[in-house]
């Protein structure tokens, strides 16, 4: 679509991957439509990738039941967890300091 309206082939080769990346990002799969900021939501509604992805996922996944065994589950402890449990408590019970992480700069060794 974007390649067809570009004036030259070189501009089309630059424009198409850039626009496809934006459209795929805002198609509602990587970022749910409810989490897309209001000033970008219009891209979701005019995005042909969003309608394609929605239709394919509904056609393929409707009615399927997914069952995972304990071996297939990946659990990630939340910051500040002191025991071996992986249950996430309510957000109110996690102190704000434990949700912030900071990266320490690497020390230069001479």
PDB file of N, CA and C in Angstrom:
ATOM      1  N   UNK A   1       0.826  -1.180   0.000  1.00  0.00           N
ATOM      2  CA  UNK A   1       0.000   0.000   0.000  1.00  0.00           C
ATOM      3  C   UNK A   1       0.881   1.258   0.000  1.00  0.00           C
ATOM      4  N   UNK A   2       1.835   1.345   0.920  1.00  0.00           N
ATOM      5  CA  UNK A   2       2.690   2.524   0.982  1.00  0.00           C
ATOM      6  C   UNK A   2       3.724   2.517  -0.118  1.00  0.00           C
ATOM      7  N   UNK A   3       4.149   1.330  -0.538  1.00  0.00           N
ATOM      8  CA  UNK A   3       5.103   1.244  -1.636  1.00  0.00           C
ATOM      9  C   UNK A   3       4.511   1.703  -2.952  1.00  0.00           C
ATOM     10  N   UNK A   4       3.226   1.480  -3.141  1.00  0.00           N
ATOM     11  CA  UNK A   4       2.572   1.857  -4.395  1.00  0.00           C
ATOM     12  C   UNK A   4       2.410   3.361  -4.536  1.00  0.00           C
ATOM     13  N   UNK A   5       2.333   4.064  -3.428  1.00  0.00           N
ATOM     14  CA  UNK A   5       2.131   5.513  -3.518  1.00  0.00           C
ATOM     15  C   UNK A   5       3.428   6.301  -3.386  1.00  0.00           C
ATOM     16  N   UNK A   6       4.555   5.620  -3.186  1.00  0.00           N
ATOM     17  CA  UNK A   6       5.827   6.338  -3.075  1.00  0.00           C
ATOM     18  C   UNK A   6       6.318   6.733  -4.467  1.00  0.00           C
ATOM     19  N   UNK A   7       6.985   7.870  -4.557  1.00  0.00           N
ATOM     20  CA  UNK A   7       7.394   8.359  -5.880  1.00  0.00           C
ATOM     21  C   UNK A   7       8.506   7.531  -6.530  1.00  0.00           C
ATOM     22  N   UNK A   8       9.394   6.972  -5.734  1.00  0.00           N
ATOM     23  CA  UNK A   8      10.467   6.156  -6.304  1.00  0.00           C
ATOM     24  C   UNK A   8      10.572   4.843  -5.534  1.00  0.00           C
ATOM     25  N   UNK A   9      11.263   3.895  -6.123  1.00  0.00           N
ATOM     26  CA  UNK A   9      11.447   2.594  -5.496  1.00  0.00           C
ATOM     27  C   UNK A   9      12.279   2.705  -4.215  1.00  0.00           C
ATOM     28  N   UNK A  10      13.280   3.575  -4.230  1.00  0.00           N
ATOM     29  CA  UNK A  10      14.142   3.731  -3.064  1.00  0.00           C
ATOM     30  C   UNK A  10      13.370   4.288  -1.868  1.00  0.00           C
ATOM     31  N   UNK A  11      12.519   5.250  -2.109  1.00  0.00           N
ATOM     32  CA  UNK A  11      11.709   5.813  -1.025  1.00  0.00           C
ATOM     33  C   UNK A  11      10.721   4.765  -0.526  1.00  0.00           C
ATOM     34  N   UNK A  12      10.174   3.981  -1.428  1.00  0.00           N
ATOM     35  CA  UNK A  12       9.270   2.910  -1.034  1.00  0.00           C
ATOM     36  C   UNK A  12       9.952   1.870  -0.165  1.00  0.00           C
ATOM     37  N   UNK A  13      11.212   1.545  -0.485  1.00  0.00           N
ATOM     38  CA  UNK A  13      11.965   0.579   0.312  1.00  0.00           C
ATOM     39  C   UNK A  13      12.261   1.103   1.719  1.00  0.00           C
ATOM     40  N   UNK A  14      12.297   2.392   1.889  1.00  0.00           N
ATOM     41  CA  UNK A  14      12.497   2.988   3.210  1.00  0.00           C
ATOM     42  C   UNK A  14      11.166   3.126   3.944  1.00  0.00           C
ATOM     43  N   UNK A  15      10.142   3.510   3.229  1.00  0.00           N
ATOM     44  CA  UNK A  15       8.851   3.831   3.832  1.00  0.00           C
ATOM     45  C   UNK A  15       8.070   2.597   4.287  1.00  0.00           C
ATOM     46  N   UNK A  16       8.090   1.529   3.500  1.00  0.00           N
ATOM     47  CA  UNK A  16       7.266   0.349   3.794  1.00  0.00           C
ATOM     48  C   UNK A  16       7.645  -0.328   5.117  1.00  0.00           C
ATOM     49  N   UNK A  17       8.911  -0.635   5.392  1.00  0.00           N
ATOM     50  CA  UNK A  17       9.210  -1.262   6.688  1.00  0.00           C
ATOM     51  C   UNK A  17       8.888  -0.368   7.883  1.00  0.00           C
ATOM     52  N   UNK A  18       9.110   0.921   7.727  1.00  0.00           N
ATOM     53  CA  UNK A  18       8.806   1.853   8.810  1.00  0.00           C
ATOM     54  C   UNK A  18       7.313   1.873   9.110  1.00  0.00           C
ATOM     55  N   UNK A  19       6.502   1.998   8.088  1.00  0.00           N
ATOM     56  CA  UNK A  19       5.055   2.056   8.290  1.00  0.00           C
ATOM     57  C   UNK A  19       4.500   0.708   8.757  1.00  0.00           C
ATOM     58  N   UNK A  20       5.031  -0.397   8.249  1.00  0.00           N
ATOM     59  CA  UNK A  20       4.577  -1.712   8.714  1.00  0.00           C
ATOM     60  C   UNK A  20       4.912  -1.930  10.177  1.00  0.00           C
ATOM     61  N   UNK A  21       6.064  -1.433  10.619  1.00  0.00           N
ATOM     62  CA  UNK A  21       6.422  -1.556  12.036  1.00  0.00           C
ATOM     63  C   UNK A  21       5.435  -0.795  12.909  1.00  0.00           C
ATOM     64  N   UNK A  22       5.090   0.412  12.516  1.00  0.00           N
ATOM     65  CA  UNK A  22       4.131   1.210  13.285  1.00  0.00           C
ATOM     66  C   UNK A  22       2.758   0.549  13.275  1.00  0.00           C
ATOM     67  N   UNK A  23       2.314   0.080  12.128  1.00  0.00           N
ATOM     68  CA  UNK A  23       1.002  -0.548  12.035  1.00  0.00           C
ATOM     69  C   UNK A  23       0.944  -1.856  12.814  1.00  0.00           C
ATOM     70  N   UNK A  24       2.006  -2.650  12.783  1.00  0.00           N
ATOM     71  CA  UNK A  24       2.027  -3.891  13.548  1.00  0.00           C
ATOM     72  C   UNK A  24       2.066  -3.623  15.042  1.00  0.00           C
ATOM     73  N   UNK A  25       2.784  -2.594  15.451  1.00  0.00           N
ATOM     74  CA  UNK A  25       2.856  -2.249  16.860  1.00  0.00           C
ATOM     75  C   UNK A  25       1.488  -1.806  17.388  1.00  0.00           C
ATOM     76  N   UNK A  26       0.743  -1.087  16.577  1.00  0.00           N
ATOM     77  CA  UNK A  26      -0.549  -0.558  16.998  1.00  0.00           C
ATOM     78  C   UNK A  26      -1.732  -1.373  16.473  1.00  0.00           C
ATOM     79  N   UNK A  27      -1.517  -2.651  16.165  1.00  0.00           N
ATOM     80  CA  UNK A  27      -2.590  -3.508  15.664  1.00  0.00           C
ATOM     81  C   UNK A  27      -3.434  -4.106  16.777  1.00  0.00           C
ATOM     82  N   UNK A  28      -3.053  -3.896  18.035  1.00  0.00           N
ATOM     83  CA  UNK A  28      -3.840  -4.409  19.144  1.00  0.00           C
ATOM     84  C   UNK A  28      -3.368  -5.739  19.678  1.00  0.00           C
ATOM     85  N   UNK A  29      -2.274  -6.271  19.161  1.00  0.00           N
ATOM     86  CA  UNK A  29      -1.762  -7.543  19.644  1.00  0.00           C
ATOM     87  C   UNK A  29      -0.614  -7.332  20.630  1.00  0.00           C
ATOM     88  N   UNK A  30       0.394  -6.581  20.232  1.00  0.00           N
ATOM     89  CA  UNK A  30       1.504  -6.285  21.139  1.00  0.00           C
ATOM     90  C   UNK A  30       1.079  -5.307  22.229  1.00  0.00           C
ATOM     91  N   UNK A  31       0.362  -4.291  21.834  1.00  0.00           N
ATOM     92  CA  UNK A  31      -0.204  -3.325  22.782  1.00  0.00           C
ATOM     93  C   UNK A  31      -1.717  -3.431  22.639  1.00  0.00           C
ATOM     94  N   UNK A  32      -2.436  -3.854  23.676  1.00  0.00           N
ATOM     95  CA  UNK A  32      -3.896  -3.946  23.563  1.00  0.00           C
ATOM     96  C   UNK A  32      -4.510  -2.582  23.253  1.00  0.00           C
ATOM     97  N   UNK A  33      -5.632  -2.600  22.566  1.00  0.00           N
ATOM     98  CA  UNK A  33      -6.285  -1.345  22.185  1.00  0.00           C
ATOM     99  C   UNK A  33      -6.609  -0.481  23.398  1.00  0.00           C
ATOM    100  N   UNK A  34      -6.919  -1.111  24.524  1.00  0.00           N
ATOM    101  CA  UNK A  34      -7.237  -0.338  25.728  1.00  0.00           C
ATOM    102  C   UNK A  34      -6.016   0.362  26.302  1.00  0.00           C
ATOM    103  N   UNK A  35      -4.797  -0.079  25.940  1.00  0.00           N
ATOM    104  CA  UNK A  35      -3.580   0.528  26.461  1.00  0.00           C
ATOM    105  C   UNK A  35      -2.938   1.519  25.493  1.00  0.00           C
ATOM    106  N   UNK A  36      -3.474   1.639  24.291  1.00  0.00           N
ATOM    107  CA  UNK A  36      -2.931   2.595  23.323  1.00  0.00           C
ATOM    108  C   UNK A  36      -3.358   3.992  23.762  1.00  0.00           C
ATOM    109  N   UNK A  37      -2.417   4.942  23.847  1.00  0.00           N
ATOM    110  CA  UNK A  37      -2.777   6.300  24.261  1.00  0.00           C
ATOM    111  C   UNK A  37      -3.814   6.928  23.327  1.00  0.00           C
ATOM    112  N   UNK A  38      -4.598   7.826  23.873  1.00  0.00           N
ATOM    113  CA  UNK A  38      -5.694   8.432  23.123  1.00  0.00           C
ATOM    114  C   UNK A  38      -5.272   9.136  21.850  1.00  0.00           C
ATOM    115  N   UNK A  39      -4.082   9.715  21.836  1.00  0.00           N
ATOM    116  CA  UNK A  39      -3.638  10.435  20.646  1.00  0.00           C
ATOM    117  C   UNK A  39      -3.125   9.498  19.552  1.00  0.00           C
ATOM    118  N   UNK A  40      -3.004   8.179  19.830  1.00  0.00           N
ATOM    119  CA  UNK A  40      -2.627   7.212  18.812  1.00  0.00           C
ATOM    120  C   UNK A  40      -3.742   6.228  18.483  1.00  0.00           C
ATOM    121  N   UNK A  41      -4.852   6.278  19.191  1.00  0.00           N
ATOM    122  CA  UNK A  41      -5.905   5.283  18.999  1.00  0.00           C
ATOM    123  C   UNK A  41      -6.515   5.358  17.596  1.00  0.00           C
ATOM    124  N   UNK A  42      -6.459   6.508  16.980  1.00  0.00           N
ATOM    125  CA  UNK A  42      -7.005   6.632  15.627  1.00  0.00           C
ATOM    126  C   UNK A  42      -6.249   5.736  14.642  1.00  0.00           C
ATOM    127  N   UNK A  43      -4.941   5.505  14.904  1.00  0.00           N
ATOM    128  CA  UNK A  43      -4.173   4.617  14.028  1.00  0.00           C
ATOM    129  C   UNK A  43      -4.700   3.191  14.150  1.00  0.00           C
ATOM    130  N   UNK A  44      -5.084   2.800  15.364  1.00  0.00           N
ATOM    131  CA  UNK A  44      -5.646   1.463  15.563  1.00  0.00           C
ATOM    132  C   UNK A  44      -6.924   1.285  14.750  1.00  0.00           C
ATOM    133  N   UNK A  45      -7.793   2.295  14.724  1.00  0.00           N
ATOM    134  CA  UNK A  45      -9.086   2.165  14.057  1.00  0.00           C
ATOM    135  C   UNK A  45      -8.985   2.195  12.541  1.00  0.00           C
ATOM    136  N   UNK A  46      -7.960   2.799  11.981  1.00  0.00           N
ATOM    137  CA  UNK A  46      -7.811   2.800  10.512  1.00  0.00           C
ATOM    138  C   UNK A  46      -6.804   1.763  10.035  1.00  0.00           C
ATOM    139  N   UNK A  47      -6.248   0.987  10.963  1.00  0.00           N
ATOM    140  CA  UNK A  47      -5.180   0.046  10.677  1.00  0.00           C
ATOM    141  C   UNK A  47      -5.723  -1.241  10.046  1.00  0.00           C
ATOM    142  N   UNK A  48      -5.383  -1.543   8.798  1.00  0.00           N
ATOM    143  CA  UNK A  48      -5.849  -2.795   8.199  1.00  0.00           C
ATOM    144  C   UNK A  48      -5.238  -4.023   8.880  1.00  0.00           C
ATOM    145  N   UNK A  49      -4.046  -3.885   9.440  1.00  0.00           N
ATOM    146  CA  UNK A  49      -3.422  -5.012  10.143  1.00  0.00           C
ATOM    147  C   UNK A  49      -4.227  -5.400  11.374  1.00  0.00           C
ATOM    148  N   UNK A  50      -4.842  -4.439  12.038  1.00  0.00           N
ATOM    149  CA  UNK A  50      -5.647  -4.734  13.228  1.00  0.00           C
ATOM    150  C   UNK A  50      -6.862  -5.577  12.855  1.00  0.00           C
ATOM    151  N   UNK A  51      -7.521  -5.246  11.758  1.00  0.00           N
ATOM    152  CA  UNK A  51      -8.695  -6.012  11.340  1.00  0.00           C
ATOM    153  C   UNK A  51      -8.299  -7.412  10.858  1.00  0.00           C
ATOM    154  N   UNK A  52      -7.192  -7.501  10.145  1.00  0.00           N
ATOM    155  CA  UNK A  52      -6.712  -8.803   9.686  1.00  0.00           C
ATOM    156  C   UNK A  52      -6.350  -9.690  10.874  1.00  0.00           C
ATOM    157  N   UNK A  53      -5.577  -9.157  11.801  1.00  0.00           N
ATOM    158  CA  UNK A  53      -5.142  -9.932  12.951  1.00  0.00           C
ATOM    159  C   UNK A  53      -6.323 -10.350  13.811  1.00  0.00           C
ATOM    160  N   UNK A  54      -7.263  -9.462  14.012  1.00  0.00           N
ATOM    161  CA  UNK A  54      -8.441  -9.784  14.804  1.00  0.00           C
ATOM    162  C   UNK A  54      -9.252 -10.903  14.153  1.00  0.00           C
ATOM    163  N   UNK A  55      -9.453 -10.816  12.862  1.00  0.00           N
ATOM    164  CA  UNK A  55     -10.221 -11.845  12.161  1.00  0.00           C
ATOM    165  C   UNK A  55      -9.547 -13.197  12.169  1.00  0.00           C
ATOM    166  N   UNK A  56      -8.244 -13.226  11.921  1.00  0.00           N
ATOM    167  CA  UNK A  56      -7.513 -14.494  11.895  1.00  0.00           C
ATOM    168  C   UNK A  56      -7.485 -15.120  13.285  1.00  0.00           C
ATOM    169  N   UNK A  57      -7.188 -14.337  14.313  1.00  0.00           N
ATOM    170  CA  UNK A  57      -7.125 -14.890  15.666  1.00  0.00           C
ATOM    171  C   UNK A  57      -8.477 -15.404  16.127  1.00  0.00           C
ATOM    172  N   UNK A  58      -9.548 -14.694  15.795  1.00  0.00           N
ATOM    173  CA  UNK A  58     -10.878 -15.166  16.182  1.00  0.00           C
ATOM    174  C   UNK A  58     -11.254 -16.436  15.437  1.00  0.00           C
ATOM    175  N   UNK A  59     -10.899 -16.506  14.174  1.00  0.00           N
ATOM    176  CA  UNK A  59     -11.240 -17.699  13.398  1.00  0.00           C
ATOM    177  C   UNK A  59     -10.439 -18.916  13.843  1.00  0.00           C
ATOM    178  N   UNK A  60      -9.186 -18.726  14.188  1.00  0.00           N
ATOM    179  CA  UNK A  60      -8.324 -19.851  14.525  1.00  0.00           C
ATOM    180  C   UNK A  60      -8.449 -20.265  15.984  1.00  0.00           C
ATOM    181  N   UNK A  61      -8.563 -19.306  16.898  1.00  0.00           N
ATOM    182  CA  UNK A  61      -8.487 -19.614  18.318  1.00  0.00           C
ATOM    183  C   UNK A  61      -9.831 -19.762  19.021  1.00  0.00           C
ATOM    184  N   UNK A  62     -10.926 -19.408  18.372  1.00  0.00           N
ATOM    185  CA  UNK A  62     -12.224 -19.501  19.020  1.00  0.00           C
ATOM    186  C   UNK A  62     -12.566 -20.963  19.309  1.00  0.00           C
ATOM    187  N   UNK A  63     -12.934 -21.231  20.539  1.00  0.00           N
ATOM    188  CA  UNK A  63     -13.341 -22.564  20.944  1.00  0.00           C
ATOM    189  C   UNK A  63     -12.217 -23.474  21.400  1.00  0.00           C
ATOM    190  N   UNK A  64     -10.982 -23.031  21.266  1.00  0.00           N
ATOM    191  CA  UNK A  64      -9.867 -23.856  21.708  1.00  0.00           C
ATOM    192  C   UNK A  64      -9.640 -23.674  23.201  1.00  0.00           C
ATOM    193  N   UNK A  65      -9.243 -24.747  23.864  1.00  0.00           N
ATOM    194  CA  UNK A  65      -8.931 -24.674  25.281  1.00  0.00           C
ATOM    195  C   UNK A  65      -7.455 -25.002  25.444  1.00  0.00           C
ATOM    196  N   UNK A  66      -6.746 -24.140  26.150  1.00  0.00           N
ATOM    197  CA  UNK A  66      -5.326 -24.318  26.357  1.00  0.00           C
ATOM    198  C   UNK A  66      -5.097 -24.758  27.797  1.00  0.00           C
ATOM    199  N   UNK A  67      -4.397 -25.865  27.953  1.00  0.00           N
ATOM    200  CA  UNK A  67      -4.085 -26.391  29.281  1.00  0.00           C
ATOM    201  C   UNK A  67      -2.571 -26.529  29.372  1.00  0.00           C
ATOM    202  N   UNK A  68      -1.990 -25.913  30.397  1.00  0.00           N
ATOM    203  CA  UNK A  68      -0.549 -25.966  30.596  1.00  0.00           C
ATOM    204  C   UNK A  68      -0.239 -26.832  31.804  1.00  0.00           C
ATOM    205  N   UNK A  69       0.822 -27.593  31.693  1.00  0.00           N
ATOM    206  CA  UNK A  69       1.293 -28.338  32.854  1.00  0.00           C
ATOM    207  C   UNK A  69       2.230 -27.440  33.655  1.00  0.00           C
ATOM    208  N   UNK A  70       2.588 -27.894  34.840  1.00  0.00           N
ATOM    209  CA  UNK A  70       3.489 -27.106  35.685  1.00  0.00           C
ATOM    210  C   UNK A  70       4.844 -26.892  35.015  1.00  0.00           C
ATOM    211  N   UNK A  71       5.287 -27.856  34.202  1.00  0.00           N
ATOM    212  CA  UNK A  71       6.585 -27.740  33.530  1.00  0.00           C
ATOM    213  C   UNK A  71       6.585 -26.645  32.467  1.00  0.00           C
ATOM    214  N   UNK A  72       5.431 -26.344  31.899  1.00  0.00           N
ATOM    215  CA  UNK A  72       5.348 -25.376  30.814  1.00  0.00           C
ATOM    216  C   UNK A  72       5.158 -23.947  31.288  1.00  0.00           C
ATOM    217  N   UNK A  73       4.880 -23.761  32.557  1.00  0.00           N
ATOM    218  CA  UNK A  73       4.643 -22.419  33.070  1.00  0.00           C
ATOM    219  C   UNK A  73       5.953 -21.753  33.448  1.00  0.00           C
ATOM    220  N   UNK A  74       6.065 -20.491  33.138  1.00  0.00           N
ATOM    221  CA  UNK A  74       7.232 -19.709  33.543  1.00  0.00           C
ATOM    222  C   UNK A  74       6.767 -18.702  34.588  1.00  0.00           C
ATOM    223  N   UNK A  75       7.395 -18.713  35.739  1.00  0.00           N
ATOM    224  CA  UNK A  75       7.019 -17.813  36.815  1.00  0.00           C
ATOM    225  C   UNK A  75       8.174 -16.870  37.094  1.00  0.00           C
ATOM    226  N   UNK A  76       7.843 -15.625  37.319  1.00  0.00           N
ATOM    227  CA  UNK A  76       8.843 -14.606  37.576  1.00  0.00           C
ATOM    228  C   UNK A  76       8.514 -13.923  38.898  1.00  0.00           C
ATOM    229  N   UNK A  77       9.431 -13.980  39.841  1.00  0.00           N
ATOM    230  CA  UNK A  77       9.140 -13.333  41.124  1.00  0.00           C
ATOM    231  C   UNK A  77       9.119 -11.817  40.973  1.00  0.00           C
ATOM    232  N   UNK A  78       8.298 -11.168  41.751  1.00  0.00           N
ATOM    233  CA  UNK A  78       8.251  -9.722  41.711  1.00  0.00           C
ATOM    234  C   UNK A  78       9.394  -9.166  42.547  1.00  0.00           C
ATOM    235  N   UNK A  79       9.811  -7.940  42.290  1.00  0.00           N
ATOM    236  CA  UNK A  79      10.936  -7.366  43.033  1.00  0.00           C
ATOM    237  C   UNK A  79      10.629  -7.301  44.529  1.00  0.00           C
ATOM    238  N   UNK A  80      11.596  -7.633  45.342  1.00  0.00           N
ATOM    239  CA  UNK A  80      11.435  -7.591  46.784  1.00  0.00           C
ATOM    240  C   UNK A  80      10.878  -8.863  47.369  1.00  0.00           C
ATOM    241  N   UNK A  81      10.676  -9.888  46.554  1.00  0.00           N
ATOM    242  CA  UNK A  81      10.143 -11.150  47.052  1.00  0.00           C
ATOM    243  C   UNK A  81      11.222 -11.857  47.868  1.00  0.00           C
ATOM    244  N   UNK A  82      10.893 -12.236  49.098  1.00  0.00           N
ATOM    245  CA  UNK A  82      11.891 -12.858  49.963  1.00  0.00           C
ATOM    246  C   UNK A  82      11.743 -14.372  50.043  1.00  0.00           C
ATOM    247  N   UNK A  83      10.585 -14.903  49.692  1.00  0.00           N
ATOM    248  CA  UNK A  83      10.429 -16.362  49.741  1.00  0.00           C
ATOM    249  C   UNK A  83      10.335 -16.912  48.324  1.00  0.00           C
ATOM    250  N   UNK A  84      10.096 -18.197  48.214  1.00  0.00           N
ATOM    251  CA  UNK A  84      10.089 -18.839  46.898  1.00  0.00           C
ATOM    252  C   UNK A  84       8.718 -18.887  46.244  1.00  0.00           C
ATOM    253  N   UNK A  85       7.758 -18.155  46.748  1.00  0.00           N
ATOM    254  CA  UNK A  85       6.434 -18.157  46.127  1.00  0.00           C
ATOM    255  C   UNK A  85       6.423 -17.180  44.961  1.00  0.00           C
ATOM    256  N   UNK A  86       5.616 -17.488  43.983  1.00  0.00           N
ATOM    257  CA  UNK A  86       5.533 -16.660  42.791  1.00  0.00           C
ATOM    258  C   UNK A  86       4.157 -16.039  42.624  1.00  0.00           C
ATOM    259  N   UNK A  87       3.382 -15.998  43.666  1.00  0.00           N
ATOM    260  CA  UNK A  87       2.056 -15.409  43.563  1.00  0.00           C
ATOM    261  C   UNK A  87       2.183 -13.894  43.671  1.00  0.00           C
ATOM    262  N   UNK A  88       1.482 -13.215  42.800  1.00  0.00           N
ATOM    263  CA  UNK A  88       1.530 -11.765  42.802  1.00  0.00           C
ATOM    264  C   UNK A  88       0.445 -11.235  43.719  1.00  0.00           C
ATOM    265  N   UNK A  89       0.806 -10.482  44.722  1.00  0.00           N
ATOM    266  CA  UNK A  89      -0.210  -9.914  45.609  1.00  0.00           C
ATOM    267  C   UNK A  89      -0.886  -8.719  44.954  1.00  0.00           C
ATOM    268  N   UNK A  90      -1.857  -8.168  45.633  1.00  0.00           N
ATOM    269  CA  UNK A  90      -2.496  -6.954  45.135  1.00  0.00           C
ATOM    270  C   UNK A  90      -1.457  -5.849  45.041  1.00  0.00           C
ATOM    271  N   UNK A  91      -1.677  -4.930  44.130  1.00  0.00           N
ATOM    272  CA  UNK A  91      -0.712  -3.852  43.934  1.00  0.00           C
ATOM    273  C   UNK A  91      -0.570  -2.981  45.182  1.00  0.00           C
ATOM    274  N   UNK A  92      -1.616  -2.871  45.970  1.00  0.00           N
ATOM    275  CA  UNK A  92      -1.557  -2.016  47.151  1.00  0.00           C
ATOM    276  C   UNK A  92      -0.589  -2.563  48.195  1.00  0.00           C
ATOM    277  N   UNK A  93      -0.360  -3.888  48.199  1.00  0.00           N
ATOM    278  CA  UNK A  93       0.484  -4.469  49.232  1.00  0.00           C
ATOM    279  C   UNK A  93       1.964  -4.451  48.876  1.00  0.00           C
ATOM    280  N   UNK A  94       2.309  -4.066  47.648  1.00  0.00           N
ATOM    281  CA  UNK A  94       3.713  -3.984  47.262  1.00  0.00           C
ATOM    282  C   UNK A  94       4.192  -2.563  47.537  1.00  0.00           C
ATOM    283  N   UNK A  95       5.224  -2.403  48.358  1.00  0.00           N
ATOM    284  CA  UNK A  95       5.720  -1.047  48.585  1.00  0.00           C
ATOM    285  C   UNK A  95       6.281  -0.451  47.312  1.00  0.00           C
ATOM    286  N   UNK A  96       6.091   0.843  47.080  1.00  0.00           N
ATOM    287  CA  UNK A  96       6.574   1.460  45.831  1.00  0.00           C
ATOM    288  C   UNK A  96       8.067   1.302  45.626  1.00  0.00           C
ATOM    289  N   UNK A  97       8.845   1.214  46.704  1.00  0.00           N
ATOM    290  CA  UNK A  97      10.292   1.082  46.540  1.00  0.00           C
ATOM    291  C   UNK A  97      10.657  -0.257  45.896  1.00  0.00           C
ATOM    292  N   UNK A  98       9.864  -1.313  46.139  1.00  0.00           N
ATOM    293  CA  UNK A  98      10.210  -2.624  45.609  1.00  0.00           C
ATOM    294  C   UNK A  98       9.872  -2.757  44.125  1.00  0.00           C
ATOM    295  N   UNK A  99       9.059  -1.861  43.596  1.00  0.00           N
ATOM    296  CA  UNK A  99       8.711  -1.948  42.182  1.00  0.00           C
ATOM    297  C   UNK A  99       9.660  -1.157  41.314  1.00  0.00           C
ATOM    298  N   UNK A 100      10.501  -0.358  41.913  1.00  0.00           N
ATOM    299  CA  UNK A 100      11.462   0.426  41.139  1.00  0.00           C
ATOM    300  C   UNK A 100      12.795  -0.317  41.092  1.00  0.00           C
ATOM    301  N   UNK A 101      13.332  -0.394  39.902  1.00  0.00           N
ATOM    302  CA  UNK A 101      14.653  -0.988  39.759  1.00  0.00           C
ATOM    303  C   UNK A 101      15.558   0.028  39.094  1.00  0.00           C
ATOM    304  N   UNK A 102      16.794  -0.016  39.412  1.00  0.00           N
ATOM    305  CA  UNK A 102      17.739   0.902  38.781  1.00  0.00           C
ATOM    306  C   UNK A 102      18.947   0.118  38.314  1.00  0.00           C
ATOM    307  N   UNK A 103      19.509   0.570  37.236  1.00  0.00           N
ATOM    308  CA  UNK A 103      20.702  -0.065  36.704  1.00  0.00           C
ATOM    309  C   UNK A 103      21.919   0.673  37.226  1.00  0.00           C
ATOM    310  N   UNK A 104      22.861  -0.078  37.727  1.00  0.00           N
ATOM    311  CA  UNK A 104      24.100   0.536  38.184  1.00  0.00           C
ATOM    312  C   UNK A 104      25.060   0.592  37.006  1.00  0.00           C
ATOM    313  N   UNK A 105      25.781   1.690  36.873  1.00  0.00           N
ATOM    314  CA  UNK A 105      26.741   1.765  35.761  1.00  0.00           C
ATOM    315  C   UNK A 105      27.876   0.775  35.963  1.00  0.00           C
ATOM    316  N   UNK A 106      28.362   0.263  34.849  1.00  0.00           N
ATOM    317  CA  UNK A 106      29.482  -0.664  34.923  1.00  0.00           C
ATOM    318  C   UNK A 106      30.742   0.086  35.328  1.00  0.00           C
ATOM    319  N   UNK A 107      31.493  -0.517  36.227  1.00  0.00           N
ATOM    320  CA  UNK A 107      32.739   0.122  36.634  1.00  0.00           C
ATOM    321  C   UNK A 107      33.812  -0.182  35.600  1.00  0.00           C
ATOM    322  N   UNK A 108      34.573   0.835  35.309  1.00  0.00           N
ATOM    323  CA  UNK A 108      35.640   0.671  34.317  1.00  0.00           C
ATOM    324  C   UNK A 108      36.870   0.118  35.033  1.00  0.00           C
ATOM    325  N   UNK A 109      37.334  -1.000  34.543  1.00  0.00           N
ATOM    326  CA  UNK A 109      38.547  -1.554  35.126  1.00  0.00           C
ATOM    327  C   UNK A 109      39.733  -1.162  34.275  1.00  0.00           C
ATOM    328  N   UNK A 110      40.766  -0.702  34.914  1.00  0.00           N
ATOM    329  CA  UNK A 110      41.931  -0.259  34.151  1.00  0.00           C
ATOM    330  C   UNK A 110      42.996  -1.309  34.107  1.00  0.00           C
TER     331      UNK A 110
END
